[in-house]
């Protein structure tokens, strides 16, 4: 079969290919183009060379990127984007001094969203998720991890995962589903009894459904202990689900060390992680996922992403989009990582693409524009990648390509 020249992006002021050799900066090519053949990157190089080897007039799509920057499509490695209901009043309550733990103890927070989701059909959950994916795509996201966990019973957890699968089939953005039945302890239920239900009832049903790829648990103050969390994660492993851990967000309880011990794909949040925790994650190849939007929305201290990088960790970046952190735009997460965590724009961009792809279990090459990688990219109306963090009051993404096809134009 003759290869198809899907797209040629040409004339870009800058193309960000992926991480630099040391993994800290970004490899860039000036005055560059990208050729896409059969949905994958065929070549990146100076525009003149790309135009000669891959004439734009022969491509299904010729994208003039003069004055613009081309970056890999963002991989949002941690979201709770499948939900129903609204919690704007809780945002206001937090501004008056109410803590997240106080909201949860009063039946708010996660438990409030659980009540809303239990009353919502799979069709409505799917439509809600599709609307959020539209916004994410418009801001350059091409792959997103989405967690369940607003059901806290078998029927609703399965319904959430079904909605994710339906949205994945219907939308250009790839949805990576995660089962998170251990997101909170339901009202009027003993925590150990609920863990028993997750292990004996929910996980077998989730495995039979065959949608989820990961099993996550909220190992933190007011949620699940390390011992309870281990039970869930090890049972998930028995059912073929790779572990992830919400760790050290509200307090230091041992979630990061647990992630290392079970060989999790990622440990996420880490606001209260110690140097020893980070070393354990690095030693076991666990990707730390930092979520600056959560700290921003809570008015909390940011995770020490700079210290993690200095320790050799491949820090990943995500929005944590959920009713408590209502941000779907990865460029804003990049800005917060720079301003709140003192990452460079290049470090933040690598965290939001290649490293985030690793945290999401994607094959090597995802989150880059290296030859052979999936042709997922965003054309940004700015002269360099620095403007993704610098121009934070507007959306600079103009064109998004997914698997070689233009799926969004602004």
Protein backbone atom coordinates (compact mmCIF):
# COMPACT_ATOMS: atom_id res chain seq x y z
CA UNK A 1 0.00 0.00 0.00
CA UNK A 2 1.34 3.44 -0.95
CA UNK A 3 2.02 5.59 2.14
CA UNK A 4 -0.30 8.57 2.56
CA UNK A 5 1.18 12.01 3.06
CA UNK A 6 -1.36 13.18 5.60
CA UNK A 7 -0.01 16.60 6.48
CA UNK A 8 2.90 18.94 6.10
CA UNK A 9 3.37 21.73 8.62
CA UNK A 10 5.80 24.28 7.23
CA UNK A 11 7.37 27.62 8.02
CA UNK A 12 7.13 27.31 11.81
CA UNK A 13 9.31 29.71 13.76
CA UNK A 14 9.98 26.84 16.14
CA UNK A 15 9.13 23.15 16.40
CA UNK A 16 9.52 21.50 19.80
CA UNK A 17 10.47 17.91 19.10
CA UNK A 18 10.64 16.60 22.67
CA UNK A 19 12.93 16.42 25.68
CA UNK A 20 16.55 17.38 25.27
CA UNK A 21 19.20 14.69 25.70
CA UNK A 22 19.53 15.41 29.43
CA UNK A 23 15.75 15.21 29.86
CA UNK A 24 15.51 18.66 31.44
CA UNK A 25 15.18 21.02 28.50
CA UNK A 26 13.53 20.74 25.10
CA UNK A 27 14.94 19.90 21.70
CA UNK A 28 13.79 22.59 19.26
CA UNK A 29 14.25 23.24 15.54
CA UNK A 30 14.02 26.78 14.17
CA UNK A 31 12.34 27.70 10.87
CA UNK A 32 11.05 24.17 10.73
CA UNK A 33 8.47 21.86 9.32
CA UNK A 34 6.84 18.53 10.20
CA UNK A 35 5.87 15.84 7.70
CA UNK A 36 3.18 13.31 8.63
CA UNK A 37 2.80 9.99 6.82
CA UNK A 38 0.15 7.41 7.73
CA UNK A 39 -0.67 9.17 10.98
CA UNK A 40 2.89 9.31 12.26
CA UNK A 41 5.70 11.81 12.20
CA UNK A 42 7.88 11.05 9.20
CA UNK A 43 10.37 13.88 9.61
CA UNK A 44 11.07 17.14 11.42
CA UNK A 45 13.64 19.58 10.10
CA UNK A 46 14.32 22.89 8.43
CA UNK A 47 11.35 23.97 6.33
CA UNK A 48 13.29 23.97 3.04
CA UNK A 49 14.33 20.36 3.57
CA UNK A 50 10.85 19.25 4.58
CA UNK A 51 9.23 21.02 1.60
CA UNK A 52 11.65 19.39 -0.84
CA UNK A 53 11.20 15.90 0.56
CA UNK A 54 7.47 16.23 1.31
CA UNK A 55 5.88 18.86 -0.98
CA UNK A 56 2.97 20.45 0.89
CA UNK A 57 0.87 20.47 -2.28
CA UNK A 58 0.94 16.67 -2.24
CA UNK A 59 -0.39 16.43 1.30
CA UNK A 60 -4.01 16.08 2.34
CA UNK A 61 -3.40 18.99 4.71
CA UNK A 62 -0.83 21.75 4.23
CA UNK A 63 -0.54 23.88 7.36
CA UNK A 64 1.20 27.23 7.04
CA UNK A 65 2.75 27.87 10.47
CA UNK A 66 4.66 31.05 9.67
CA UNK A 67 5.22 33.06 12.85
CA UNK A 68 3.95 30.19 14.96
CA UNK A 69 5.29 27.41 17.17
CA UNK A 70 4.53 23.70 16.87
CA UNK A 71 4.50 21.57 20.04
CA UNK A 72 3.52 17.97 20.79
CA UNK A 73 -0.11 17.52 21.73
CA UNK A 74 -0.57 17.83 25.48
CA UNK A 75 -1.14 14.68 27.55
CA UNK A 76 -3.27 15.51 30.58
CA UNK A 77 -2.15 12.76 32.95
CA UNK A 78 -4.63 13.24 35.81
CA UNK A 79 -8.28 14.32 35.62
CA UNK A 80 -11.68 13.54 37.09
CA UNK A 81 -13.46 14.87 34.01
CA UNK A 82 -16.45 12.49 34.12
CA UNK A 83 -18.93 13.97 36.59
CA UNK A 84 -22.22 15.73 37.08
CA UNK A 85 -23.39 18.62 39.23
CA UNK A 86 -21.77 21.86 40.33
CA UNK A 87 -19.77 22.93 43.41
CA UNK A 88 -19.17 26.62 42.77
CA UNK A 89 -20.59 27.45 46.20
CA UNK A 90 -17.85 25.32 47.79
CA UNK A 91 -15.25 27.44 46.00
CA UNK A 92 -16.79 30.45 47.74
CA UNK A 93 -16.88 28.60 51.08
CA UNK A 94 -13.16 27.84 50.82
CA UNK A 95 -12.49 31.53 50.27
CA UNK A 96 -14.20 32.14 53.62
CA UNK A 97 -11.86 29.66 55.31
CA UNK A 98 -13.65 26.31 55.12
CA UNK A 99 -11.14 23.52 54.54
CA UNK A 100 -11.53 20.71 52.04
CA UNK A 101 -11.59 18.20 54.90
CA UNK A 102 -14.42 20.14 56.59
CA UNK A 103 -16.45 20.13 53.38
CA UNK A 104 -15.95 16.38 53.02
CA UNK A 105 -16.87 15.72 56.65
CA UNK A 106 -20.10 17.65 56.11
CA UNK A 107 -21.12 15.53 53.13
CA UNK A 108 -19.73 17.94 50.54
CA UNK A 109 -16.74 17.64 48.25
CA UNK A 110 -16.43 14.25 46.59
CA UNK A 111 -19.51 12.90 48.39
CA UNK A 112 -21.68 15.69 46.97
CA UNK A 113 -20.57 14.85 43.45
CA UNK A 114 -21.19 11.17 44.15
CA UNK A 115 -24.84 11.92 44.87
CA UNK A 116 -25.15 13.85 41.61
CA UNK A 117 -23.44 11.18 39.50
CA UNK A 118 -25.54 8.37 40.96
CA UNK A 119 -28.62 10.19 39.64
CA UNK A 120 -27.17 10.75 36.15
CA UNK A 121 -27.54 8.44 33.15
CA UNK A 122 -24.60 7.12 31.18
CA UNK A 123 -25.80 9.16 28.21
CA UNK A 124 -25.72 12.39 30.21
CA UNK A 125 -22.33 11.55 31.71
CA UNK A 126 -21.02 10.93 28.21
CA UNK A 127 -22.34 14.25 26.92
CA UNK A 128 -20.83 16.07 29.92
CA UNK A 129 -17.46 14.46 29.27
CA UNK A 130 -17.61 15.22 25.53
CA UNK A 131 -18.20 18.90 26.29
CA UNK A 132 -15.13 18.97 28.54
CA UNK A 133 -13.07 17.17 25.89
CA UNK A 134 -14.03 19.88 23.39
CA UNK A 135 -12.49 22.51 25.67
CA UNK A 136 -9.39 20.41 26.31
CA UNK A 137 -8.87 19.83 22.58
CA UNK A 138 -9.21 23.53 21.85
CA UNK A 139 -6.31 24.12 24.27
CA UNK A 140 -4.09 21.52 22.60
CA UNK A 141 -4.77 18.35 24.62
CA UNK A 142 -4.79 15.21 22.49
CA UNK A 143 -4.78 12.52 25.22
CA UNK A 144 -6.38 12.66 28.66
CA UNK A 145 -6.51 10.27 31.61
CA UNK A 146 -9.96 10.20 33.25
CA UNK A 147 -10.79 8.59 36.60
CA UNK A 148 -13.99 7.11 37.93
CA UNK A 149 -14.60 7.46 41.67
CA UNK A 150 -17.81 9.48 41.82
CA UNK A 151 -19.92 6.34 42.10
CA UNK A 152 -18.52 4.47 45.10
CA UNK A 153 -20.71 1.51 44.19
CA UNK A 154 -20.34 -1.09 41.48
CA UNK A 155 -23.21 0.04 39.26
CA UNK A 156 -22.21 3.69 39.12
CA UNK A 157 -18.49 3.04 38.78
CA UNK A 158 -19.22 0.85 35.76
CA UNK A 159 -21.53 3.51 34.35
CA UNK A 160 -18.76 6.12 34.60
CA UNK A 161 -16.29 3.82 32.84
CA UNK A 162 -18.88 3.10 30.15
CA UNK A 163 -19.27 6.85 29.60
CA UNK A 164 -15.49 7.18 29.21
CA UNK A 165 -15.41 4.41 26.62
CA UNK A 166 -18.30 6.00 24.71
CA UNK A 167 -16.62 9.41 24.74
CA UNK A 168 -13.35 7.87 23.57
CA UNK A 169 -15.13 6.35 20.56
CA UNK A 170 -16.82 9.63 19.66
CA UNK A 171 -14.08 12.21 20.28
CA UNK A 172 -10.72 13.00 18.73
CA UNK A 173 -9.07 13.19 22.15
CA UNK A 174 -7.90 9.78 23.36
CA UNK A 175 -9.40 8.91 26.75
CA UNK A 176 -7.35 6.69 29.08
CA UNK A 177 -9.76 5.28 31.72
CA UNK A 178 -8.79 4.72 35.35
CA UNK A 179 -10.89 2.92 37.96
CA UNK A 180 -10.91 4.78 41.26
CA UNK A 181 -13.56 3.18 43.40
CA UNK A 182 -11.34 3.99 46.41
CA UNK A 183 -11.78 7.74 45.99
CA UNK A 184 -13.63 8.32 49.26
CA UNK A 185 -15.48 6.35 51.92
CA UNK A 186 -19.26 6.52 51.28
CA UNK A 187 -21.46 8.11 53.89
CA UNK A 188 -22.42 5.88 56.82
CA UNK A 189 -20.07 3.07 55.71
CA UNK A 190 -17.10 1.69 57.62
CA UNK A 191 -13.85 2.25 55.71
CA UNK A 192 -12.62 -1.34 56.03
CA UNK A 193 -16.01 -2.67 54.96
CA UNK A 194 -15.93 -0.39 51.94
CA UNK A 195 -12.45 -1.58 50.99
CA UNK A 196 -13.81 -5.14 51.18
CA UNK A 197 -16.53 -4.12 48.71
CA UNK A 198 -14.04 -2.50 46.33
CA UNK A 199 -11.86 -5.62 46.35
CA UNK A 200 -14.57 -8.29 46.25
CA UNK A 201 -17.34 -6.61 44.22
CA UNK A 202 -16.18 -3.60 42.25
CA UNK A 203 -12.80 -4.76 40.94
CA UNK A 204 -14.04 -8.09 39.49
CA UNK A 205 -16.88 -6.27 37.73
CA UNK A 206 -14.50 -3.61 36.39
CA UNK A 207 -12.14 -6.29 35.10
CA UNK A 208 -15.03 -8.11 33.38
CA UNK A 209 -16.12 -4.84 31.75
CA UNK A 210 -12.63 -4.41 30.30
CA UNK A 211 -12.54 -0.60 30.04
CA UNK A 212 -10.20 0.56 32.82
CA UNK A 213 -6.41 0.40 32.37
CA UNK A 214 -5.38 1.64 35.82
CA UNK A 215 -6.51 1.33 39.43
CA UNK A 216 -6.08 4.45 41.56
CA UNK A 217 -6.62 5.07 45.27
CA UNK A 218 -6.78 8.20 47.44
CA UNK A 219 -4.21 7.37 50.10
CA UNK A 220 -4.44 10.40 52.35
CA UNK A 221 -5.84 11.96 55.50
CA UNK A 222 -9.60 11.48 55.66
CA UNK A 223 -9.57 8.90 52.85
CA UNK A 224 -7.70 5.56 52.90
CA UNK A 225 -4.72 4.41 54.96
CA UNK A 226 -1.65 2.91 53.29
CA UNK A 227 -2.74 -0.55 54.46
CA UNK A 228 -6.23 -0.15 52.99
CA UNK A 229 -4.79 1.36 49.82
CA UNK A 230 -2.35 -1.53 49.39
CA UNK A 231 -5.23 -4.01 49.52
CA UNK A 232 -7.01 -2.19 46.70
CA UNK A 233 -3.92 -1.76 44.52
CA UNK A 234 -2.75 -5.35 44.92
CA UNK A 235 -6.23 -6.60 44.10
CA UNK A 236 -6.19 -4.33 41.06
CA UNK A 237 -2.89 -5.87 39.98
CA UNK A 238 -4.47 -9.31 40.29
CA UNK A 239 -7.11 -8.11 37.81
CA UNK A 240 -4.56 -6.68 35.38
CA UNK A 241 -4.89 -3.03 36.37
CA UNK A 242 -1.72 -0.97 36.79
CA UNK A 243 -1.56 0.98 40.08
CA UNK A 244 -1.67 4.74 40.49
CA UNK A 245 -1.76 6.59 43.82
CA UNK A 246 -3.12 9.94 45.00
CA UNK A 247 -0.35 10.58 47.52
CA UNK A 248 0.70 13.16 50.11
CA UNK A 249 -1.83 15.79 49.01
CA UNK A 250 -3.47 16.80 52.29
CA UNK A 251 -0.92 15.34 54.71
CA UNK A 252 2.06 13.00 54.73
CA UNK A 253 0.64 9.52 55.24
CA UNK A 254 2.93 7.21 53.25
CA UNK A 255 1.19 7.16 49.88
CA UNK A 256 4.33 7.96 47.90
CA UNK A 257 6.29 5.14 49.52
CA UNK A 258 3.37 2.81 48.83
CA UNK A 259 3.44 3.83 45.15
CA UNK A 260 7.10 2.88 45.00
CA UNK A 261 6.56 -0.42 46.75
CA UNK A 262 3.77 -1.58 44.42
CA UNK A 263 5.51 -0.28 41.28
CA UNK A 264 2.83 2.25 40.41
CA UNK A 265 2.84 4.04 37.08
CA UNK A 266 2.60 7.34 38.93
CA UNK A 267 2.27 9.01 42.29
CA UNK A 268 0.17 12.15 42.03
CA UNK A 269 -0.17 15.43 43.98
CA UNK A 270 2.83 15.04 46.36
CA UNK A 271 2.43 18.42 48.08
CA UNK A 272 3.76 16.89 51.31
CA UNK A 273 6.27 14.44 49.84
CA UNK A 274 9.72 14.24 51.43
CA UNK A 275 13.12 13.91 49.80
CA UNK A 276 13.16 10.24 50.83
CA UNK A 277 9.78 9.75 49.14
CA UNK A 278 11.09 11.23 45.92
CA UNK A 279 14.20 9.06 45.99
CA UNK A 280 12.01 5.99 46.43
CA UNK A 281 9.91 6.99 43.42
CA UNK A 282 13.01 7.56 41.29
CA UNK A 283 14.53 4.23 42.34
CA UNK A 284 11.37 2.35 41.30
CA UNK A 285 10.70 4.31 38.11
CA UNK A 286 7.44 5.82 39.37
CA UNK A 287 6.54 9.07 37.59
CA UNK A 288 5.62 11.93 39.95
CA UNK A 289 2.63 13.87 38.63
CA UNK A 290 2.30 17.42 39.96
CA UNK A 291 -0.99 19.30 39.82
CA UNK A 292 -0.41 23.02 40.33
CA UNK A 293 -4.03 23.86 39.58
CA UNK A 294 -5.07 22.03 42.74
CA UNK A 295 -2.70 24.05 44.91
CA UNK A 296 -3.83 27.21 43.13
CA UNK A 297 -7.53 26.50 43.71
CA UNK A 298 -6.96 25.48 47.35
CA UNK A 299 -4.57 28.33 48.12
CA UNK A 300 -2.09 25.68 49.25
CA UNK A 301 1.66 25.37 48.88
CA UNK A 302 2.84 23.90 45.59
CA UNK A 303 4.58 20.56 45.31
CA UNK A 304 8.37 20.79 45.12
CA UNK A 305 8.66 19.97 41.44
CA UNK A 306 12.06 21.65 41.25
CA UNK A 307 13.41 19.34 43.96
CA UNK A 308 11.95 16.33 42.14
CA UNK A 309 13.69 17.31 38.90
CA UNK A 310 16.95 17.84 40.75
CA UNK A 311 16.59 14.33 42.17
CA UNK A 312 16.34 12.92 38.65
CA UNK A 313 12.58 12.38 38.56
CA UNK A 314 10.75 12.73 35.21
CA UNK A 315 8.14 15.11 36.58
CA UNK A 316 4.78 15.06 34.78
CA UNK A 317 2.16 17.79 34.76
CA UNK A 318 -1.64 17.61 34.69
CA UNK A 319 -4.69 19.78 35.27
CA UNK A 320 -6.50 17.65 37.91
CA UNK A 321 -9.70 18.92 36.29
CA UNK A 322 -12.60 18.13 38.63
CA UNK A 323 -15.45 20.01 40.35
CA UNK A 324 -12.97 21.22 42.98
CA UNK A 325 -10.35 22.36 40.43
CA UNK A 326 -12.22 23.62 37.40
CA UNK A 327 -9.45 24.03 34.83
CA UNK A 328 -9.30 22.09 31.57
CA UNK A 329 -6.46 24.01 29.90
CA UNK A 330 -3.00 22.46 29.93
CA UNK A 331 -1.32 25.76 28.93
CA UNK A 332 -2.61 27.25 32.20
CA UNK A 333 -1.11 24.29 34.09
CA UNK A 334 2.17 25.06 32.30
CA UNK A 335 1.97 28.68 33.48
CA UNK A 336 1.28 27.63 37.08
CA UNK A 337 4.17 25.16 36.97
CA UNK A 338 6.48 27.98 35.93
CA UNK A 339 5.19 30.64 38.32
CA UNK A 340 4.27 28.46 41.31
CA UNK A 341 6.92 25.74 41.01
CA UNK A 342 9.71 27.71 39.30
CA UNK A 343 10.04 25.33 36.38
CA UNK A 344 11.39 26.74 33.14
CA UNK A 345 8.93 26.89 30.23
CA UNK A 346 10.84 24.04 28.56
CA UNK A 347 10.73 21.87 31.69
CA UNK A 348 7.01 22.51 32.10
CA UNK A 349 6.32 21.69 28.45
CA UNK A 350 8.23 18.40 28.65
CA UNK A 351 6.32 17.62 31.87
CA UNK A 352 3.04 18.26 30.04
CA UNK A 353 3.90 16.07 27.05
CA UNK A 354 6.58 13.35 27.07
CA UNK A 355 6.69 12.83 30.85
CA UNK A 356 2.90 12.96 31.11
CA UNK A 357 2.72 10.29 28.41
CA UNK A 358 4.97 8.06 30.52
CA UNK A 359 2.72 8.60 33.56
CA UNK A 360 -0.25 7.55 31.44
CA UNK A 361 1.34 4.35 30.26
CA UNK A 362 1.65 5.39 26.63
CA UNK A 363 4.24 3.85 24.35
CA UNK A 364 7.61 5.52 23.83
CA UNK A 365 7.39 8.44 21.43
CA UNK A 366 4.02 9.70 22.64
CA UNK A 367 4.23 13.29 23.77
CA UNK A 368 7.03 14.00 21.26
CA UNK A 369 7.37 14.82 17.58
CA UNK A 370 10.23 12.40 17.00
CA UNK A 371 10.22 10.40 13.79
CA UNK A 372 7.84 7.49 14.18
CA UNK A 373 5.80 9.08 16.98
CA UNK A 374 2.03 9.48 16.64
CA UNK A 375 1.37 12.77 14.84
CA UNK A 376 -0.35 14.55 17.72
CA UNK A 377 0.56 18.24 17.68
CA UNK A 378 -0.64 21.77 18.32
CA UNK A 379 0.17 24.88 16.32
CA UNK A 380 0.48 27.83 18.68
CA UNK A 381 0.11 31.45 17.57
CA UNK A 382 3.34 32.54 19.24
CA UNK A 383 7.00 32.80 18.21
CA UNK A 384 8.29 30.28 20.79
CA UNK A 385 7.19 27.72 23.34
CA UNK A 386 7.95 30.24 26.11
CA UNK A 387 4.75 32.07 25.19
CA UNK A 388 2.64 29.11 26.31
CA UNK A 389 3.48 30.10 29.89
CA UNK A 390 4.00 33.81 29.23
CA UNK A 391 0.71 34.59 27.42
CA UNK A 392 -1.59 33.09 30.01
CA UNK A 393 -4.66 35.28 29.49
CA UNK A 394 -5.61 33.90 26.06
CA UNK A 395 -5.67 30.57 24.26
CA UNK A 396 -2.91 30.67 21.64
CA UNK A 397 -3.65 27.23 20.14
CA UNK A 398 -4.85 27.62 16.56
CA UNK A 399 -4.68 24.15 15.01
CA UNK A 400 -4.62 20.68 16.55
CA UNK A 401 -3.61 17.54 14.68
CA UNK A 402 -4.42 14.07 16.04
CA UNK A 403 -2.97 10.96 14.38
CA UNK A 404 -2.19 13.06 11.33
CA UNK A 405 -5.67 14.59 10.93
CA UNK A 406 -6.64 18.18 11.65
CA UNK A 407 -9.24 17.88 14.40
CA UNK A 408 -9.47 21.50 15.55
CA UNK A 409 -9.07 24.91 13.95
CA UNK A 410 -9.59 28.19 15.77
